[in-house]
Protein backbone atom coordinates (compact mmCIF):
# COMPACT_ATOMS: atom_id res chain seq x y z
CA UNK A 1 -43.68 -78.63 49.29
CA UNK A 2 -41.64 -80.38 51.98
CA UNK A 3 -38.09 -81.57 51.39
CA UNK A 4 -39.55 -85.01 50.69
CA UNK A 5 -41.58 -84.59 47.52
CA UNK A 6 -45.26 -85.43 47.91
CA UNK A 7 -46.86 -87.77 45.40
CA UNK A 8 -50.23 -87.18 43.75
CA UNK A 9 -52.39 -89.46 41.63
CA UNK A 10 -54.80 -87.99 39.09
CA UNK A 11 -57.21 -90.35 37.33
CA UNK A 12 -58.59 -89.68 33.88
CA UNK A 13 -55.49 -87.57 33.30
CA UNK A 14 -54.84 -88.21 29.61
CA UNK A 15 -56.86 -85.17 28.56
CA UNK A 16 -59.23 -82.43 29.67
CA UNK A 17 -59.62 -81.55 33.33
CA UNK A 18 -57.47 -84.47 34.44
CA UNK A 19 -54.55 -83.50 32.22
CA UNK A 20 -54.73 -79.84 33.26
CA UNK A 21 -54.84 -80.89 36.92
CA UNK A 22 -51.87 -83.24 36.60
CA UNK A 23 -49.83 -80.53 34.88
CA UNK A 24 -50.79 -77.98 37.54
CA UNK A 25 -49.83 -80.31 40.38
CA UNK A 26 -46.54 -81.04 38.66
CA UNK A 27 -45.93 -77.31 38.50
CA UNK A 28 -46.82 -77.03 42.19
CA UNK A 29 -44.04 -79.47 43.01
CA UNK A 30 -45.82 -82.81 43.27
CA UNK A 31 -44.58 -85.98 41.62
CA UNK A 32 -47.61 -87.12 39.63
CA UNK A 33 -48.99 -90.54 38.77
CA UNK A 34 -50.89 -89.84 35.54
CA UNK A 35 -53.59 -92.50 35.38
CA UNK A 36 -55.89 -93.35 32.51
CA UNK A 37 -57.30 -96.46 30.88
CA UNK A 38 -54.44 -96.52 28.37
CA UNK A 39 -50.95 -95.58 29.58
CA UNK A 40 -49.92 -94.54 26.06
CA UNK A 41 -52.68 -91.90 26.07
CA UNK A 42 -50.98 -90.28 29.08
CA UNK A 43 -47.77 -89.54 27.18
CA UNK A 44 -48.57 -85.90 26.36
CA UNK A 45 -49.49 -85.14 29.96
CA UNK A 46 -46.36 -86.80 31.31
CA UNK A 47 -44.16 -85.09 28.72
CA UNK A 48 -45.61 -81.68 29.60
CA UNK A 49 -44.79 -82.22 33.27
CA UNK A 50 -41.30 -83.61 32.75
CA UNK A 51 -40.34 -81.05 30.10
CA UNK A 52 -41.11 -78.35 32.68
CA UNK A 53 -38.76 -80.04 35.14
CA UNK A 54 -41.33 -82.07 37.04
CA UNK A 55 -41.58 -85.76 37.76
CA UNK A 56 -44.38 -87.96 36.44
CA UNK A 57 -45.14 -91.46 35.22
CA UNK A 58 -47.95 -92.84 33.05
CA UNK A 59 -50.11 -95.59 34.51
CA UNK A 60 -52.71 -97.57 32.61
CA UNK A 61 -55.55 -98.78 34.82
CA UNK A 62 -59.29 -99.36 34.74
CA UNK A 63 -60.33 -97.62 37.96
CA UNK A 64 -63.47 -99.75 38.19
CA UNK A 65 -61.38 -102.94 38.48
CA UNK A 66 -59.92 -103.63 41.93
CA UNK A 67 -56.97 -105.68 40.65
CA UNK A 68 -56.08 -102.99 38.10
CA UNK A 69 -56.28 -100.33 40.81
CA UNK A 70 -53.98 -102.29 43.11
CA UNK A 71 -51.46 -102.84 40.32
CA UNK A 72 -51.61 -99.21 39.19
CA UNK A 73 -51.07 -97.81 42.66
CA UNK A 74 -48.17 -100.19 43.22
CA UNK A 75 -46.66 -98.85 40.00
CA UNK A 76 -46.90 -95.32 41.42
CA UNK A 77 -45.37 -96.40 44.74
CA UNK A 78 -42.48 -98.12 42.96
CA UNK A 79 -41.89 -95.27 40.52
CA UNK A 80 -42.55 -92.18 42.62
CA UNK A 81 -43.23 -93.08 46.23
CA UNK A 82 -46.27 -93.38 48.48
CA UNK A 83 -49.19 -91.26 47.21
CA UNK A 84 -50.85 -88.89 49.67
CA UNK A 85 -52.90 -86.82 47.21
CA UNK A 86 -55.67 -88.35 45.13
CA UNK A 87 -57.79 -86.60 42.50
CA UNK A 88 -60.65 -88.83 41.37
CA UNK A 89 -61.40 -87.33 37.99
CA UNK A 90 -61.95 -90.37 35.73
CA UNK A 91 -65.36 -90.32 34.11
CA UNK A 92 -67.39 -91.45 31.12
CA UNK A 93 -70.69 -90.50 29.54
CA UNK A 94 -73.47 -92.85 28.47
CA UNK A 95 -76.19 -90.24 28.01
CA UNK A 96 -79.77 -91.12 27.16
CA UNK A 97 -83.30 -90.44 28.29
CA UNK A 98 -84.41 -92.79 31.03
CA UNK A 99 -86.71 -94.88 28.80
CA UNK A 100 -83.82 -95.47 26.36
CA UNK A 101 -81.09 -96.04 28.93
CA UNK A 102 -79.78 -99.60 29.04
CA UNK A 103 -78.55 -101.55 32.04
CA UNK A 104 -75.01 -101.33 30.67
CA UNK A 105 -75.31 -97.53 30.23
CA UNK A 106 -76.17 -97.26 33.92
CA UNK A 107 -73.64 -99.77 35.19
CA UNK A 108 -70.71 -98.39 33.17
CA UNK A 109 -71.15 -94.85 34.49
CA UNK A 110 -71.60 -96.03 38.08
CA UNK A 111 -68.57 -98.28 37.72
CA UNK A 112 -66.15 -95.58 36.63
CA UNK A 113 -67.42 -92.66 38.69
CA UNK A 114 -68.52 -94.23 41.96
CA UNK A 115 -66.82 -97.63 42.16
CA UNK A 116 -63.67 -96.08 40.70
CA UNK A 117 -63.56 -93.31 43.30
CA UNK A 118 -64.24 -95.85 46.06
CA UNK A 119 -61.52 -98.27 44.95
CA UNK A 120 -58.92 -95.55 44.45
CA UNK A 121 -59.73 -93.83 47.75
CA UNK A 122 -59.71 -97.06 49.72
CA UNK A 123 -56.32 -97.98 48.31
CA UNK A 124 -54.69 -94.56 48.78
CA UNK A 125 -56.05 -93.78 52.25
CA UNK A 126 -53.67 -96.24 53.90
CA UNK A 127 -50.70 -94.19 52.70
CA UNK A 128 -52.40 -90.99 53.83
CA UNK A 129 -53.16 -92.40 57.27
CA UNK A 130 -49.57 -93.62 57.66
CA UNK A 131 -48.28 -90.17 56.69
CA UNK A 132 -50.87 -88.44 58.89
CA UNK A 133 -51.47 -86.10 55.95
CA UNK A 134 -53.49 -86.41 52.80
CA UNK A 135 -55.86 -84.84 50.32
CA UNK A 136 -58.72 -86.34 48.32
CA UNK A 137 -60.49 -84.28 45.66
CA UNK A 138 -63.44 -85.83 43.86
CA UNK A 139 -64.79 -84.38 40.62
CA UNK A 140 -68.54 -84.00 40.83
CA UNK A 141 -70.56 -81.79 38.45
CA UNK A 142 -73.40 -79.31 38.32
CA UNK A 143 -75.25 -82.25 36.73
CA UNK A 144 -75.57 -83.54 40.30
CA UNK A 145 -78.44 -81.04 40.53
CA UNK A 146 -80.22 -82.92 37.72
CA UNK A 147 -79.77 -82.83 33.95
CA UNK A 148 -82.00 -84.13 31.18
CA UNK A 149 -80.61 -87.24 29.51
CA UNK A 150 -78.11 -87.91 32.29
CA UNK A 151 -79.92 -89.93 34.94
CA UNK A 152 -76.84 -92.14 35.34
CA UNK A 153 -74.24 -89.36 35.28
CA UNK A 154 -76.29 -87.06 37.54
CA UNK A 155 -76.80 -89.83 40.07
CA UNK A 156 -73.12 -90.74 40.06
CA UNK A 157 -72.03 -87.14 40.50
CA UNK A 158 -74.52 -86.62 43.35
CA UNK A 159 -73.26 -89.83 44.94
CA UNK A 160 -69.71 -88.55 44.84
CA UNK A 161 -70.76 -85.62 47.00
CA UNK A 162 -72.05 -87.92 49.73
CA UNK A 163 -68.95 -90.09 49.39
CA UNK A 164 -66.75 -87.00 49.80
CA UNK A 165 -68.49 -85.88 52.97
CA UNK A 166 -68.18 -89.35 54.48
CA UNK A 167 -64.47 -89.53 53.67
CA UNK A 168 -64.02 -86.16 55.36
CA UNK A 169 -65.67 -87.47 58.53
CA UNK A 170 -63.80 -90.77 58.61
CA UNK A 171 -60.34 -89.54 57.66
CA UNK A 172 -60.20 -86.08 59.22
CA UNK A 173 -58.60 -87.34 62.44
CA UNK A 174 -55.61 -88.51 60.41
CA UNK A 175 -54.89 -85.14 58.86
CA UNK A 176 -56.68 -86.06 55.63
CA UNK A 177 -59.17 -83.71 53.98
CA UNK A 178 -61.71 -84.64 51.31
CA UNK A 179 -63.51 -82.17 49.10
CA UNK A 180 -65.47 -82.22 45.86
CA UNK A 181 -65.44 -79.83 42.93
CA UNK A 182 -68.58 -79.53 40.84
CA UNK A 183 -67.65 -77.93 37.51
CA UNK A 184 -70.20 -76.23 35.34
CA UNK A 185 -69.73 -76.06 31.56
CA UNK A 186 -66.08 -76.80 30.83
CA UNK A 187 -64.81 -76.84 27.26
CA UNK A 188 -63.47 -80.39 26.87
CA UNK A 189 -63.77 -83.46 24.66
CA UNK A 190 -66.58 -84.63 26.94
CA UNK A 191 -68.71 -81.55 26.35
CA UNK A 192 -67.94 -81.84 22.64
CA UNK A 193 -69.39 -85.36 22.81
CA UNK A 194 -72.52 -83.96 24.45
CA UNK A 195 -72.89 -81.42 21.67
CA UNK A 196 -72.59 -84.20 19.12
CA UNK A 197 -75.20 -86.25 20.97
CA UNK A 198 -77.76 -83.46 20.82
CA UNK A 199 -76.86 -82.62 17.21
CA UNK A 200 -75.50 -79.09 17.78
CA UNK A 201 -72.21 -77.80 16.29
CA UNK A 202 -69.72 -77.45 19.15
CA UNK A 203 -69.09 -73.74 18.50
CA UNK A 204 -72.83 -73.06 18.75
CA UNK A 205 -73.03 -75.26 21.83
CA UNK A 206 -70.27 -73.24 23.51
CA UNK A 207 -71.91 -69.91 22.62
CA UNK A 208 -75.27 -71.07 23.98
CA UNK A 209 -73.67 -72.25 27.21
CA UNK A 210 -71.66 -69.06 27.64
CA UNK A 211 -74.79 -66.95 27.25
CA UNK A 212 -76.18 -68.58 30.41
CA UNK A 213 -73.01 -68.17 32.49
CA UNK A 214 -72.77 -64.96 34.53
CA UNK A 215 -69.06 -64.44 33.80
CA UNK A 216 -69.87 -64.71 30.09
CA UNK A 217 -67.50 -67.48 29.03
CA UNK A 218 -67.19 -71.24 29.17
CA UNK A 219 -64.88 -72.75 31.73
CA UNK A 220 -61.51 -74.18 30.81
CA UNK A 221 -59.81 -77.23 32.37
CA UNK A 222 -57.26 -74.90 33.98
CA UNK A 223 -60.07 -73.21 35.91
CA UNK A 224 -60.73 -76.49 37.70
CA UNK A 225 -57.04 -77.31 38.08
CA UNK A 226 -56.54 -74.05 39.99
CA UNK A 227 -59.17 -75.00 42.55
CA UNK A 228 -57.66 -78.47 42.92
CA UNK A 229 -54.29 -76.81 43.52
CA UNK A 230 -55.71 -74.89 46.45
CA UNK A 231 -57.61 -77.82 47.96
CA UNK A 232 -54.52 -80.05 48.06
CA UNK A 233 -52.33 -77.33 49.56
CA UNK A 234 -51.45 -76.87 53.23
CA UNK A 235 -53.40 -73.60 53.10
CA UNK A 236 -56.61 -75.64 52.72
CA UNK A 237 -56.04 -77.82 55.79
CA UNK A 238 -59.25 -76.54 57.44
CA UNK A 239 -61.40 -77.05 54.35
CA UNK A 240 -62.97 -80.49 54.29
CA UNK A 241 -66.25 -82.13 53.34
CA UNK A 242 -67.12 -79.27 51.00
CA UNK A 243 -68.64 -79.24 47.51
CA UNK A 244 -67.34 -76.26 45.55
CA UNK A 245 -69.33 -75.34 42.46
CA UNK A 246 -66.97 -73.90 39.85
CA UNK A 247 -69.42 -72.75 37.25
CA UNK A 248 -68.87 -69.06 36.51
CA UNK A 249 -71.80 -68.12 38.70
CA UNK A 250 -73.94 -69.28 41.66
CA UNK A 251 -75.20 -72.83 41.63
CA UNK A 252 -76.68 -75.16 44.24
């Protein structure tokens, strides 16, 4: 890290992959804007970072709302400084088979995953361009390859891959890289919700998933945070426009 501390924003950082990523970036020396729908839900993440000697603030914002995004980013600028690292992790599930999926199920998932990543990236890129340095990491998923009951989620995650590649092309000349991470099965509240949806005890769900993963275990949020840590580092300055599947085995 340079003498002037760099500032990162992580969305959906109250729990799971987002929380692990925010904590990891705090440990790496970034000041972290911990963003989630409810600022109070970010308290544990912020406390973990600050207790370890890092700097972080909690920001409540609906990433699918442009006014909320503008206000949230201004809060980060005022509290920490201009953000040059953005991790678009915020996501929701509205799983259902296509014939049961409602308009609102579709729109809600697209709003958070795609519109949210667009609004956040558009707002942060001006700080990155001014600094002539920046990193964007978008959280895709192996579901981008298709997954039963997730037409909305799969489409959104596939869309994020195209969005990432376009950001890499547009922003590369300004010293900004953009990459996507596509996690496989990660043990989080979100996968617990999937287990509940399909009516399988979570422990059994984990065992079944692990049996199909070459490394023989489910992923943990820290596995994804470690890859984010590399992609936002100076060592990754020649890595851009890539989709990295982090799934315990070959995918895509």
